[in-house]
Amino acid sequence: QVQLVESGGGLVQPGGSLRLSCAASGFSFIGYVMSWYRQAPGKERELVARITSGGGVTKYADSVKGRFTISRDNAKKSVSLQMNSLKPEDTAMYYCYAGHSWTSIDYWGQGTQVTVSS
């Protein structure tokens, strides 16, 4: 059974930090590009950050560059998103996404809520 289980969301004040984690199981993690997406109320889901299967290449949305860092641990089958200097506009549901490197197979997690508010 394929599972992507996110954790680490919550309520944080502007300027604060959170670390999201995504634990994968049920598929060959090393063969997948891992990403974090987010969706705010009334808005489309958008890519936040992506990391290649080996972890050598990362990509970030312009809005989070310099503040967020994506990383993965292939031995533990996990991907993380360190979020610093959080802003109210970062408030959204954050989703973990696994996309196979050369097929159309993909998986989504159930999401974890991040709320940035004073």
PDB file of N, CA and C in Angstrom:
ATOM      1  N   GLN A   1       0.848  -1.192   0.000  1.00  0.00           N
ATOM      2  CA  GLN A   1       0.000   0.000   0.000  1.00  0.00           C
ATOM      3  C   GLN A   1       0.886   1.245   0.000  1.00  0.00           C
ATOM      4  N   VAL A   2       0.672   2.089  -0.997  1.00  0.00           N
ATOM      5  CA  VAL A   2       1.443   3.316  -1.117  1.00  0.00           C
ATOM      6  C   VAL A   2       0.946   4.353  -0.120  1.00  0.00           C
ATOM      7  N   GLN A   3       1.882   4.957   0.580  1.00  0.00           N
ATOM      8  CA  GLN A   3       1.523   6.015   1.520  1.00  0.00           C
ATOM      9  C   GLN A   3       2.562   7.123   1.488  1.00  0.00           C
ATOM     10  N   LEU A   4       2.071   8.353   1.531  1.00  0.00           N
ATOM     11  CA  LEU A   4       2.883   9.534   1.769  1.00  0.00           C
ATOM     12  C   LEU A   4       2.224  10.242   2.946  1.00  0.00           C
ATOM     13  N   VAL A   5       2.918  10.281   4.061  1.00  0.00           N
ATOM     14  CA  VAL A   5       2.338  10.827   5.273  1.00  0.00           C
ATOM     15  C   VAL A   5       3.114  12.067   5.692  1.00  0.00           C
ATOM     16  N   GLU A   6       2.442  13.217   5.609  1.00  0.00           N
ATOM     17  CA  GLU A   6       3.065  14.481   5.990  1.00  0.00           C
ATOM     18  C   GLU A   6       2.876  14.747   7.485  1.00  0.00           C
ATOM     19  N   SER A   7       3.813  15.492   8.038  1.00  0.00           N
ATOM     20  CA  SER A   7       3.709  15.922   9.422  1.00  0.00           C
ATOM     21  C   SER A   7       4.491  17.217   9.587  1.00  0.00           C
ATOM     22  N   GLY A   8       4.266  17.882  10.703  1.00  0.00           N
ATOM     23  CA  GLY A   8       5.041  19.076  11.023  1.00  0.00           C
ATOM     24  C   GLY A   8       4.335  20.395  10.817  1.00  0.00           C
ATOM     25  N   GLY A   9       3.132  20.351  10.268  1.00  0.00           N
ATOM     26  CA  GLY A   9       2.401  21.591  10.095  1.00  0.00           C
ATOM     27  C   GLY A   9       1.904  22.151  11.417  1.00  0.00           C
ATOM     28  N   GLY A  10       1.377  23.365  11.345  1.00  0.00           N
ATOM     29  CA  GLY A  10       0.850  23.975  12.558  1.00  0.00           C
ATOM     30  C   GLY A  10       0.702  25.468  12.417  1.00  0.00           C
ATOM     31  N   LEU A  11       0.496  26.108  13.555  1.00  0.00           N
ATOM     32  CA  LEU A  11       0.343  27.556  13.612  1.00  0.00           C
ATOM     33  C   LEU A  11       1.668  28.176  14.065  1.00  0.00           C
ATOM     34  N   VAL A  12       2.130  29.160  13.328  1.00  0.00           N
ATOM     35  CA  VAL A  12       3.391  29.819  13.666  1.00  0.00           C
ATOM     36  C   VAL A  12       3.251  31.316  13.409  1.00  0.00           C
ATOM     37  N   GLN A  13       3.974  32.107  14.171  1.00  0.00           N
ATOM     38  CA  GLN A  13       3.943  33.558  13.981  1.00  0.00           C
ATOM     39  C   GLN A  13       4.796  33.960  12.780  1.00  0.00           C
ATOM     40  N   PRO A  14       4.467  35.098  12.177  1.00  0.00           N
ATOM     41  CA  PRO A  14       5.317  35.595  11.081  1.00  0.00           C
ATOM     42  C   PRO A  14       6.773  35.705  11.532  1.00  0.00           C
ATOM     43  N   GLY A  15       7.663  35.279  10.652  1.00  0.00           N
ATOM     44  CA  GLY A  15       9.078  35.255  10.976  1.00  0.00           C
ATOM     45  C   GLY A  15       9.548  33.956  11.591  1.00  0.00           C
ATOM     46  N   GLY A  16       8.628  33.106  11.934  1.00  0.00           N
ATOM     47  CA  GLY A  16       8.970  31.844  12.567  1.00  0.00           C
ATOM     48  C   GLY A  16       9.360  30.767  11.564  1.00  0.00           C
ATOM     49  N   SER A  17       9.590  29.570  12.089  1.00  0.00           N
ATOM     50  CA  SER A  17      10.031  28.446  11.268  1.00  0.00           C
ATOM     51  C   SER A  17       9.197  27.201  11.551  1.00  0.00           C
ATOM     52  N   LEU A  18       9.113  26.373  10.542  1.00  0.00           N
ATOM     53  CA  LEU A  18       8.512  25.050  10.664  1.00  0.00           C
ATOM     54  C   LEU A  18       9.293  24.094   9.775  1.00  0.00           C
ATOM     55  N   ARG A  19       9.272  22.828  10.148  1.00  0.00           N
ATOM     56  CA  ARG A  19       9.884  21.799   9.328  1.00  0.00           C
ATOM     57  C   ARG A  19       8.831  20.746   9.022  1.00  0.00           C
ATOM     58  N   LEU A  20       8.517  20.616   7.752  1.00  0.00           N
ATOM     59  CA  LEU A  20       7.584  19.589   7.321  1.00  0.00           C
ATOM     60  C   LEU A  20       8.348  18.329   6.945  1.00  0.00           C
ATOM     61  N   SER A  21       7.745  17.207   7.242  1.00  0.00           N
ATOM     62  CA  SER A  21       8.333  15.922   6.873  1.00  0.00           C
ATOM     63  C   SER A  21       7.302  15.080   6.144  1.00  0.00           C
ATOM     64  N   CYS A  22       7.800  14.234   5.261  1.00  0.00           N
ATOM     65  CA  CYS A  22       6.935  13.329   4.510  1.00  0.00           C
ATOM     66  C   CYS A  22       7.580  11.948   4.527  1.00  0.00           C
ATOM     67  N   ALA A  23       6.872  10.991   5.102  1.00  0.00           N
ATOM     68  CA  ALA A  23       7.358   9.616   5.167  1.00  0.00           C
ATOM     69  C   ALA A  23       6.696   8.795   4.072  1.00  0.00           C
ATOM     70  N   ALA A  24       7.514   8.151   3.258  1.00  0.00           N
ATOM     71  CA  ALA A  24       7.007   7.371   2.133  1.00  0.00           C
ATOM     72  C   ALA A  24       7.096   5.881   2.418  1.00  0.00           C
ATOM     73  N   SER A  25       6.137   5.145   1.888  1.00  0.00           N
ATOM     74  CA  SER A  25       6.171   3.691   1.998  1.00  0.00           C
ATOM     75  C   SER A  25       5.365   3.087   0.861  1.00  0.00           C
ATOM     76  N   GLY A  26       5.687   1.841   0.536  1.00  0.00           N
ATOM     77  CA  GLY A  26       4.911   1.121  -0.464  1.00  0.00           C
ATOM     78  C   GLY A  26       5.361   1.284  -1.902  1.00  0.00           C
ATOM     79  N   PHE A  27       6.449   2.025  -2.125  1.00  0.00           N
ATOM     80  CA  PHE A  27       6.976   2.164  -3.485  1.00  0.00           C
ATOM     81  C   PHE A  27       8.479   2.404  -3.402  1.00  0.00           C
ATOM     82  N   SER A  28       9.132   2.317  -4.540  1.00  0.00           N
ATOM     83  CA  SER A  28      10.584   2.443  -4.593  1.00  0.00           C
ATOM     84  C   SER A  28      10.980   3.917  -4.580  1.00  0.00           C
ATOM     85  N   PHE A  29      11.196   4.447  -3.410  1.00  0.00           N
ATOM     86  CA  PHE A  29      11.397   5.876  -3.183  1.00  0.00           C
ATOM     87  C   PHE A  29      12.512   6.455  -4.039  1.00  0.00           C
ATOM     88  N   ILE A  30      13.595   5.726  -4.204  1.00  0.00           N
ATOM     89  CA  ILE A  30      14.773   6.245  -4.904  1.00  0.00           C
ATOM     90  C   ILE A  30      14.473   6.590  -6.358  1.00  0.00           C
ATOM     91  N   GLY A  31      13.442   6.030  -6.922  1.00  0.00           N
ATOM     92  CA  GLY A  31      13.124   6.274  -8.323  1.00  0.00           C
ATOM     93  C   GLY A  31      12.212   7.458  -8.573  1.00  0.00           C
ATOM     94  N   TYR A  32      11.942   8.216  -7.524  1.00  0.00           N
ATOM     95  CA  TYR A  32      10.943   9.278  -7.626  1.00  0.00           C
ATOM     96  C   TYR A  32      11.540  10.646  -7.327  1.00  0.00           C
ATOM     97  N   VAL A  33      11.136  11.610  -8.147  1.00  0.00           N
ATOM     98  CA  VAL A  33      11.366  13.011  -7.836  1.00  0.00           C
ATOM     99  C   VAL A  33      10.336  13.398  -6.779  1.00  0.00           C
ATOM    100  N   MET A  34      10.787  14.058  -5.729  1.00  0.00           N
ATOM    101  CA  MET A  34       9.895  14.429  -4.629  1.00  0.00           C
ATOM    102  C   MET A  34       9.667  15.931  -4.620  1.00  0.00           C
ATOM    103  N   SER A  35       8.444  16.306  -4.347  1.00  0.00           N
ATOM    104  CA  SER A  35       8.084  17.719  -4.369  1.00  0.00           C
ATOM    105  C   SER A  35       7.160  18.045  -3.208  1.00  0.00           C
ATOM    106  N   TRP A  36       7.149  19.322  -2.879  1.00  0.00           N
ATOM    107  CA  TRP A  36       6.144  19.884  -1.984  1.00  0.00           C
ATOM    108  C   TRP A  36       5.317  20.880  -2.793  1.00  0.00           C
ATOM    109  N   TYR A  37       4.004  20.742  -2.694  1.00  0.00           N
ATOM    110  CA  TYR A  37       3.071  21.685  -3.277  1.00  0.00           C
ATOM    111  C   TYR A  37       2.278  22.330  -2.142  1.00  0.00           C
ATOM    112  N   ARG A  38       1.630  23.420  -2.433  1.00  0.00           N
ATOM    113  CA  ARG A  38       0.734  24.034  -1.452  1.00  0.00           C
ATOM    114  C   ARG A  38      -0.488  24.596  -2.165  1.00  0.00           C
ATOM    115  N   GLN A  39      -1.548  24.680  -1.397  1.00  0.00           N
ATOM    116  CA  GLN A  39      -2.790  25.241  -1.920  1.00  0.00           C
ATOM    117  C   GLN A  39      -3.452  26.068  -0.830  1.00  0.00           C
ATOM    118  N   ALA A  40      -3.616  27.346  -1.121  1.00  0.00           N
ATOM    119  CA  ALA A  40      -4.308  28.248  -0.213  1.00  0.00           C
ATOM    120  C   ALA A  40      -5.778  28.311  -0.618  1.00  0.00           C
ATOM    121  N   PRO A  41      -6.651  28.674   0.305  1.00  0.00           N
ATOM    122  CA  PRO A  41      -8.086  28.752  -0.019  1.00  0.00           C
ATOM    123  C   PRO A  41      -8.337  29.665  -1.210  1.00  0.00           C
ATOM    124  N   GLY A  42      -9.094  29.163  -2.175  1.00  0.00           N
ATOM    125  CA  GLY A  42      -9.435  29.957  -3.345  1.00  0.00           C
ATOM    126  C   GLY A  42      -8.347  30.070  -4.387  1.00  0.00           C
ATOM    127  N   LYS A  43      -7.236  29.391  -4.166  1.00  0.00           N
ATOM    128  CA  LYS A  43      -6.125  29.474  -5.114  1.00  0.00           C
ATOM    129  C   LYS A  43      -5.799  28.090  -5.658  1.00  0.00           C
ATOM    130  N   GLU A  44      -5.076  28.078  -6.780  1.00  0.00           N
ATOM    131  CA  GLU A  44      -4.657  26.816  -7.366  1.00  0.00           C
ATOM    132  C   GLU A  44      -3.471  26.233  -6.596  1.00  0.00           C
ATOM    133  N   ARG A  45      -3.346  24.928  -6.689  1.00  0.00           N
ATOM    134  CA  ARG A  45      -2.201  24.276  -6.075  1.00  0.00           C
ATOM    135  C   ARG A  45      -0.936  24.692  -6.841  1.00  0.00           C
ATOM    136  N   GLU A  46       0.116  25.000  -6.101  1.00  0.00           N
ATOM    137  CA  GLU A  46       1.343  25.453  -6.733  1.00  0.00           C
ATOM    138  C   GLU A  46       2.549  24.695  -6.209  1.00  0.00           C
ATOM    139  N   LEU A  47       3.538  24.555  -7.076  1.00  0.00           N
ATOM    140  CA  LEU A  47       4.786  23.916  -6.684  1.00  0.00           C
ATOM    141  C   LEU A  47       5.570  24.830  -5.751  1.00  0.00           C
ATOM    142  N   VAL A  48       6.018  24.276  -4.645  1.00  0.00           N
ATOM    143  CA  VAL A  48       6.845  25.017  -3.695  1.00  0.00           C
ATOM    144  C   VAL A  48       8.318  24.672  -3.888  1.00  0.00           C
ATOM    145  N   ALA A  49       8.607  23.371  -3.913  1.00  0.00           N
ATOM    146  CA  ALA A  49       9.995  22.932  -4.043  1.00  0.00           C
ATOM    147  C   ALA A  49      10.031  21.515  -4.586  1.00  0.00           C
ATOM    148  N   ARG A  50      11.132  21.192  -5.266  1.00  0.00           N
ATOM    149  CA  ARG A  50      11.283  19.868  -5.878  1.00  0.00           C
ATOM    150  C   ARG A  50      12.730  19.425  -5.716  1.00  0.00           C
ATOM    151  N   ILE A  51      12.924  18.120  -5.566  1.00  0.00           N
ATOM    152  CA  ILE A  51      14.275  17.578  -5.448  1.00  0.00           C
ATOM    153  C   ILE A  51      14.357  16.293  -6.252  1.00  0.00           C
ATOM    154  N   THR A  52      15.432  16.146  -7.005  1.00  0.00           N
ATOM    155  CA  THR A  52      15.586  14.968  -7.848  1.00  0.00           C
ATOM    156  C   THR A  52      15.842  13.716  -7.014  1.00  0.00           C
ATOM    157  N   SER A  53      15.787  12.573  -7.675  1.00  0.00           N
ATOM    158  CA  SER A  53      15.839  11.304  -6.958  1.00  0.00           C
ATOM    159  C   SER A  53      17.124  11.135  -6.152  1.00  0.00           C
ATOM    160  N   GLY A  54      18.231  11.637  -6.695  1.00  0.00           N
ATOM    161  CA  GLY A  54      19.495  11.531  -5.987  1.00  0.00           C
ATOM    162  C   GLY A  54      19.762  12.686  -5.045  1.00  0.00           C
ATOM    163  N   GLY A  55      18.912  13.669  -5.104  1.00  0.00           N
ATOM    164  CA  GLY A  55      19.055  14.824  -4.215  1.00  0.00           C
ATOM    165  C   GLY A  55      19.996  15.894  -4.728  1.00  0.00           C
ATOM    166  N   GLY A  56      20.507  15.717  -5.955  1.00  0.00           N
ATOM    167  CA  GLY A  56      21.509  16.650  -6.441  1.00  0.00           C
ATOM    168  C   GLY A  56      20.978  17.939  -7.019  1.00  0.00           C
ATOM    169  N   VAL A  57      19.718  17.954  -7.401  1.00  0.00           N
ATOM    170  CA  VAL A  57      19.151  19.145  -8.037  1.00  0.00           C
ATOM    171  C   VAL A  57      17.868  19.526  -7.322  1.00  0.00           C
ATOM    172  N   THR A  58      17.749  20.799  -7.012  1.00  0.00           N
ATOM    173  CA  THR A  58      16.546  21.301  -6.363  1.00  0.00           C
ATOM    174  C   THR A  58      15.979  22.481  -7.161  1.00  0.00           C
ATOM    175  N   LYS A  59      14.691  22.695  -6.962  1.00  0.00           N
ATOM    176  CA  LYS A  59      14.004  23.797  -7.645  1.00  0.00           C
ATOM    177  C   LYS A  59      13.033  24.401  -6.643  1.00  0.00           C
ATOM    178  N   TYR A  60      12.942  25.733  -6.667  1.00  0.00           N
ATOM    179  CA  TYR A  60      12.062  26.414  -5.720  1.00  0.00           C
ATOM    180  C   TYR A  60      11.192  27.436  -6.441  1.00  0.00           C
ATOM    181  N   ALA A  61      10.019  27.635  -5.907  1.00  0.00           N
ATOM    182  CA  ALA A  61       9.192  28.745  -6.359  1.00  0.00           C
ATOM    183  C   ALA A  61       9.897  30.045  -5.983  1.00  0.00           C
ATOM    184  N   ASP A  62       9.764  31.052  -6.826  1.00  0.00           N
ATOM    185  CA  ASP A  62      10.425  32.329  -6.553  1.00  0.00           C
ATOM    186  C   ASP A  62      10.030  32.886  -5.197  1.00  0.00           C
ATOM    187  N   SER A  63       8.796  32.642  -4.799  1.00  0.00           N
ATOM    188  CA  SER A  63       8.276  33.218  -3.558  1.00  0.00           C
ATOM    189  C   SER A  63       8.914  32.624  -2.313  1.00  0.00           C
ATOM    190  N   VAL A  64       9.579  31.487  -2.431  1.00  0.00           N
ATOM    191  CA  VAL A  64      10.169  30.850  -1.239  1.00  0.00           C
ATOM    192  C   VAL A  64      11.688  30.733  -1.313  1.00  0.00           C
ATOM    193  N   LYS A  65      12.276  31.132  -2.424  1.00  0.00           N
ATOM    194  CA  LYS A  65      13.731  31.036  -2.564  1.00  0.00           C
ATOM    195  C   LYS A  65      14.434  31.788  -1.453  1.00  0.00           C
ATOM    196  N   GLY A  66      15.442  31.152  -0.879  1.00  0.00           N
ATOM    197  CA  GLY A  66      16.194  31.761   0.199  1.00  0.00           C
ATOM    198  C   GLY A  66      15.571  31.575   1.566  1.00  0.00           C
ATOM    199  N   ARG A  67      14.348  31.110   1.621  1.00  0.00           N
ATOM    200  CA  ARG A  67      13.658  30.893   2.898  1.00  0.00           C
ATOM    201  C   ARG A  67      13.373  29.418   3.169  1.00  0.00           C
ATOM    202  N   PHE A  68      13.085  28.669   2.125  1.00  0.00           N
ATOM    203  CA  PHE A  68      12.742  27.252   2.265  1.00  0.00           C
ATOM    204  C   PHE A  68      13.877  26.385   1.718  1.00  0.00           C
ATOM    205  N   THR A  69      14.039  25.212   2.320  1.00  0.00           N
ATOM    206  CA  THR A  69      15.033  24.252   1.848  1.00  0.00           C
ATOM    207  C   THR A  69      14.425  22.861   1.829  1.00  0.00           C
ATOM    208  N   ILE A  70      14.492  22.223   0.679  1.00  0.00           N
ATOM    209  CA  ILE A  70      14.006  20.843   0.551  1.00  0.00           C
ATOM    210  C   ILE A  70      15.181  19.889   0.651  1.00  0.00           C
ATOM    211  N   SER A  71      14.960  18.759   1.288  1.00  0.00           N
ATOM    212  CA  SER A  71      15.998  17.739   1.395  1.00  0.00           C
ATOM    213  C   SER A  71      15.330  16.379   1.444  1.00  0.00           C
ATOM    214  N   ARG A  72      16.114  15.353   1.182  1.00  0.00           N
ATOM    215  CA  ARG A  72      15.569  14.000   1.225  1.00  0.00           C
ATOM    216  C   ARG A  72      16.593  13.054   1.817  1.00  0.00           C
ATOM    217  N   ASP A  73      16.085  11.986   2.392  1.00  0.00           N
ATOM    218  CA  ASP A  73      16.918  10.916   2.942  1.00  0.00           C
ATOM    219  C   ASP A  73      16.414   9.627   2.311  1.00  0.00           C
ATOM    220  N   ASN A  74      17.136   9.143   1.314  1.00  0.00           N
ATOM    221  CA  ASN A  74      16.666   7.962   0.590  1.00  0.00           C
ATOM    222  C   ASN A  74      16.715   6.705   1.448  1.00  0.00           C
ATOM    223  N   ALA A  75      17.617   6.658   2.391  1.00  0.00           N
ATOM    224  CA  ALA A  75      17.692   5.503   3.275  1.00  0.00           C
ATOM    225  C   ALA A  75      16.464   5.430   4.183  1.00  0.00           C
ATOM    226  N   LYS A  76      15.969   6.590   4.588  1.00  0.00           N
ATOM    227  CA  LYS A  76      14.794   6.633   5.470  1.00  0.00           C
ATOM    228  C   LYS A  76      13.501   6.836   4.692  1.00  0.00           C
ATOM    229  N   LYS A  77      13.623   6.971   3.363  1.00  0.00           N
ATOM    230  CA  LYS A  77      12.446   7.186   2.516  1.00  0.00           C
ATOM    231  C   LYS A  77      11.627   8.377   3.004  1.00  0.00           C
ATOM    232  N   SER A  78      12.309   9.493   3.138  1.00  0.00           N
ATOM    233  CA  SER A  78      11.632  10.678   3.628  1.00  0.00           C
ATOM    234  C   SER A  78      12.115  11.924   2.899  1.00  0.00           C
ATOM    235  N   VAL A  79      11.260  12.916   2.864  1.00  0.00           N
ATOM    236  CA  VAL A  79      11.600  14.217   2.300  1.00  0.00           C
ATOM    237  C   VAL A  79      11.117  15.280   3.273  1.00  0.00           C
ATOM    238  N   SER A  80      11.909  16.336   3.398  1.00  0.00           N
ATOM    239  CA  SER A  80      11.595  17.383   4.360  1.00  0.00           C
ATOM    240  C   SER A  80      11.584  18.747   3.684  1.00  0.00           C
ATOM    241  N   LEU A  81      10.896  19.661   4.307  1.00  0.00           N
ATOM    242  CA  LEU A  81      10.876  21.051   3.852  1.00  0.00           C
ATOM    243  C   LEU A  81      11.099  21.937   5.070  1.00  0.00           C
ATOM    244  N   GLN A  82      12.269  22.540   5.137  1.00  0.00           N
ATOM    245  CA  GLN A  82      12.561  23.480   6.206  1.00  0.00           C
ATOM    246  C   GLN A  82      12.089  24.850   5.757  1.00  0.00           C
ATOM    247  N   MET A  83      11.203  25.439   6.533  1.00  0.00           N
ATOM    248  CA  MET A  83      10.608  26.731   6.175  1.00  0.00           C
ATOM    249  C   MET A  83      10.997  27.764   7.223  1.00  0.00           C
ATOM    250  N   ASN A  84      11.743  28.755   6.804  1.00  0.00           N
ATOM    251  CA  ASN A  84      12.173  29.832   7.689  1.00  0.00           C
ATOM    252  C   ASN A  84      11.568  31.161   7.246  1.00  0.00           C
ATOM    253  N   SER A  85      11.612  32.127   8.130  1.00  0.00           N
ATOM    254  CA  SER A  85      11.103  33.475   7.829  1.00  0.00           C
ATOM    255  C   SER A  85       9.708  33.403   7.225  1.00  0.00           C
ATOM    256  N   LEU A  86       8.861  32.661   7.872  1.00  0.00           N
ATOM    257  CA  LEU A  86       7.519  32.438   7.330  1.00  0.00           C
ATOM    258  C   LEU A  86       6.704  33.726   7.301  1.00  0.00           C
ATOM    259  N   LYS A  87       5.876  33.812   6.274  1.00  0.00           N
ATOM    260  CA  LYS A  87       5.023  34.983   6.057  1.00  0.00           C
ATOM    261  C   LYS A  87       3.562  34.550   6.049  1.00  0.00           C
ATOM    262  N   PRO A  88       2.656  35.477   6.334  1.00  0.00           N
ATOM    263  CA  PRO A  88       1.230  35.113   6.283  1.00  0.00           C
ATOM    264  C   PRO A  88       0.821  34.509   4.936  1.00  0.00           C
ATOM    265  N   GLU A  89       1.453  34.956   3.860  1.00  0.00           N
ATOM    266  CA  GLU A  89       1.104  34.418   2.545  1.00  0.00           C
ATOM    267  C   GLU A  89       1.599  32.994   2.313  1.00  0.00           C
ATOM    268  N   ASP A  90       2.353  32.456   3.255  1.00  0.00           N
ATOM    269  CA  ASP A  90       2.743  31.042   3.188  1.00  0.00           C
ATOM    270  C   ASP A  90       1.654  30.125   3.739  1.00  0.00           C
ATOM    271  N   THR A  91       0.622  30.716   4.312  1.00  0.00           N
ATOM    272  CA  THR A  91      -0.482  29.933   4.861  1.00  0.00           C
ATOM    273  C   THR A  91      -1.148  29.124   3.756  1.00  0.00           C
ATOM    274  N   ALA A  92      -1.211  27.816   3.952  1.00  0.00           N
ATOM    275  CA  ALA A  92      -1.773  26.918   2.944  1.00  0.00           C
ATOM    276  C   ALA A  92      -1.762  25.493   3.466  1.00  0.00           C
ATOM    277  N   MET A  93      -2.427  24.631   2.725  1.00  0.00           N
ATOM    278  CA  MET A  93      -2.259  23.192   2.946  1.00  0.00           C
ATOM    279  C   MET A  93      -1.059  22.767   2.105  1.00  0.00           C
ATOM    280  N   TYR A  94      -0.132  22.079   2.730  1.00  0.00           N
ATOM    281  CA  TYR A  94       1.078  21.632   2.057  1.00  0.00           C
ATOM    282  C   TYR A  94       1.000  20.135   1.787  1.00  0.00           C
ATOM    283  N   TYR A  95       1.305  19.783   0.541  1.00  0.00           N
ATOM    284  CA  TYR A  95       1.191  18.396   0.102  1.00  0.00           C
ATOM    285  C   TYR A  95       2.533  17.855  -0.353  1.00  0.00           C
ATOM    286  N   CYS A  96       2.783  16.637   0.012  1.00  0.00           N
ATOM    287  CA  CYS A  96       3.945  15.900  -0.472  1.00  0.00           C
ATOM    288  C   CYS A  96       3.551  15.173  -1.762  1.00  0.00           C
ATOM    289  N   TYR A  97       4.430  15.196  -2.745  1.00  0.00           N
ATOM    290  CA  TYR A  97       4.140  14.593  -4.046  1.00  0.00           C
ATOM    291  C   TYR A  97       5.341  13.791  -4.527  1.00  0.00           C
ATOM    292  N   ALA A  98       5.057  12.586  -5.026  1.00  0.00           N
ATOM    293  CA  ALA A  98       6.102  11.735  -5.581  1.00  0.00           C
ATOM    294  C   ALA A  98       5.801  11.493  -7.052  1.00  0.00           C
ATOM    295  N   GLY A  99       6.722  11.869  -7.917  1.00  0.00           N
ATOM    296  CA  GLY A  99       6.565  11.657  -9.348  1.00  0.00           C
ATOM    297  C   GLY A  99       7.677  10.773  -9.880  1.00  0.00           C
ATOM    298  N   HIS A 100       7.315   9.670 -10.522  1.00  0.00           N
ATOM    299  CA  HIS A 100       8.343   8.755 -11.005  1.00  0.00           C
ATOM    300  C   HIS A 100       9.229   9.457 -12.031  1.00  0.00           C
ATOM    301  N   SER A 101      10.485   9.120 -12.021  1.00  0.00           N
ATOM    302  CA  SER A 101      11.463   9.829 -12.839  1.00  0.00           C
ATOM    303  C   SER A 101      11.238   9.675 -14.337  1.00  0.00           C
ATOM    304  N   TRP A 102      10.669   8.525 -14.794  1.00  0.00           N
ATOM    305  CA  TRP A 102      10.502   8.363 -16.233  1.00  0.00           C
ATOM    306  C   TRP A 102       9.180   7.733 -16.643  1.00  0.00           C
ATOM    307  N   THR A 103       8.223   7.662 -15.730  1.00  0.00           N
ATOM    308  CA  THR A 103       6.862   7.244 -16.104  1.00  0.00           C
ATOM    309  C   THR A 103       5.882   8.271 -15.546  1.00  0.00           C
ATOM    310  N   SER A 104       4.617   8.052 -15.771  1.00  0.00           N
ATOM    311  CA  SER A 104       3.599   8.986 -15.286  1.00  0.00           C
ATOM    312  C   SER A 104       3.041   8.597 -13.918  1.00  0.00           C
ATOM    313  N   ILE A 105       3.648   7.631 -13.284  1.00  0.00           N
ATOM    314  CA  ILE A 105       3.170   7.195 -11.965  1.00  0.00           C
ATOM    315  C   ILE A 105       3.456   8.285 -10.949  1.00  0.00           C
ATOM    316  N   ASP A 106       2.450   8.618 -10.174  1.00  0.00           N
ATOM    317  CA  ASP A 106       2.649   9.622  -9.135  1.00  0.00           C
ATOM    318  C   ASP A 106       1.721   9.372  -7.962  1.00  0.00           C
ATOM    319  N   TYR A 107       2.108   9.969  -6.846  1.00  0.00           N
ATOM    320  CA  TYR A 107       1.349   9.803  -5.608  1.00  0.00           C
ATOM    321  C   TYR A 107       1.288  11.141  -4.862  1.00  0.00           C
ATOM    322  N   TRP A 108       0.191  11.324  -4.142  1.00  0.00           N
ATOM    323  CA  TRP A 108       0.006  12.515  -3.316  1.00  0.00           C
ATOM    324  C   TRP A 108      -0.214  12.117  -1.865  1.00  0.00           C
ATOM    325  N   GLY A 109       0.282  12.945  -0.973  1.00  0.00           N
ATOM    326  CA  GLY A 109      -0.052  12.796   0.420  1.00  0.00           C
ATOM    327  C   GLY A 109      -1.368  13.481   0.733  1.00  0.00           C
ATOM    328  N   GLN A 110      -1.792  13.381   1.990  1.00  0.00           N
ATOM    329  CA  GLN A 110      -3.093  13.926   2.381  1.00  0.00           C
ATOM    330  C   GLN A 110      -3.021  15.397   2.765  1.00  0.00           C
ATOM    331  N   GLY A 111      -1.812  15.899   2.959  1.00  0.00           N
ATOM    332  CA  GLY A 111      -1.632  17.311   3.263  1.00  0.00           C
ATOM    333  C   GLY A 111      -1.469  17.599   4.737  1.00  0.00           C
ATOM    334  N   THR A 112      -0.767  18.689   5.024  1.00  0.00           N
ATOM    335  CA  THR A 112      -0.625  19.183   6.381  1.00  0.00           C
ATOM    336  C   THR A 112      -0.798  20.700   6.348  1.00  0.00           C
ATOM    337  N   GLN A 113      -1.558  21.221   7.286  1.00  0.00           N
ATOM    338  CA  GLN A 113      -1.908  22.642   7.272  1.00  0.00           C
ATOM    339  C   GLN A 113      -0.811  23.473   7.925  1.00  0.00           C
ATOM    340  N   VAL A 114      -0.439  24.546   7.236  1.00  0.00           N
ATOM    341  CA  VAL A 114       0.487  25.533   7.782  1.00  0.00           C
ATOM    342  C   VAL A 114      -0.249  26.869   7.840  1.00  0.00           C
ATOM    343  N   THR A 115      -0.285  27.442   9.026  1.00  0.00           N
ATOM    344  CA  THR A 115      -0.932  28.736   9.213  1.00  0.00           C
ATOM    345  C   THR A 115       0.066  29.701   9.839  1.00  0.00           C
ATOM    346  N   VAL A 116       0.284  30.816   9.148  1.00  0.00           N
ATOM    347  CA  VAL A 116       1.215  31.830   9.639  1.00  0.00           C
ATOM    348  C   VAL A 116       0.392  33.054  10.020  1.00  0.00           C
ATOM    349  N   SER A 117       0.336  33.302  11.307  1.00  0.00           N
ATOM    350  CA  SER A 117      -0.510  34.376  11.799  1.00  0.00           C
ATOM    351  C   SER A 117      -0.047  34.819  13.170  1.00  0.00           C
ATOM    352  N   SER A 118      -0.241  36.100  13.450  1.00  0.00           N
ATOM    353  CA  SER A 118       0.087  36.613  14.776  1.00  0.00           C
ATOM    354  C   SER A 118      -1.154  36.609  15.665  1.00  0.00           C
TER     355      SER A 118
END
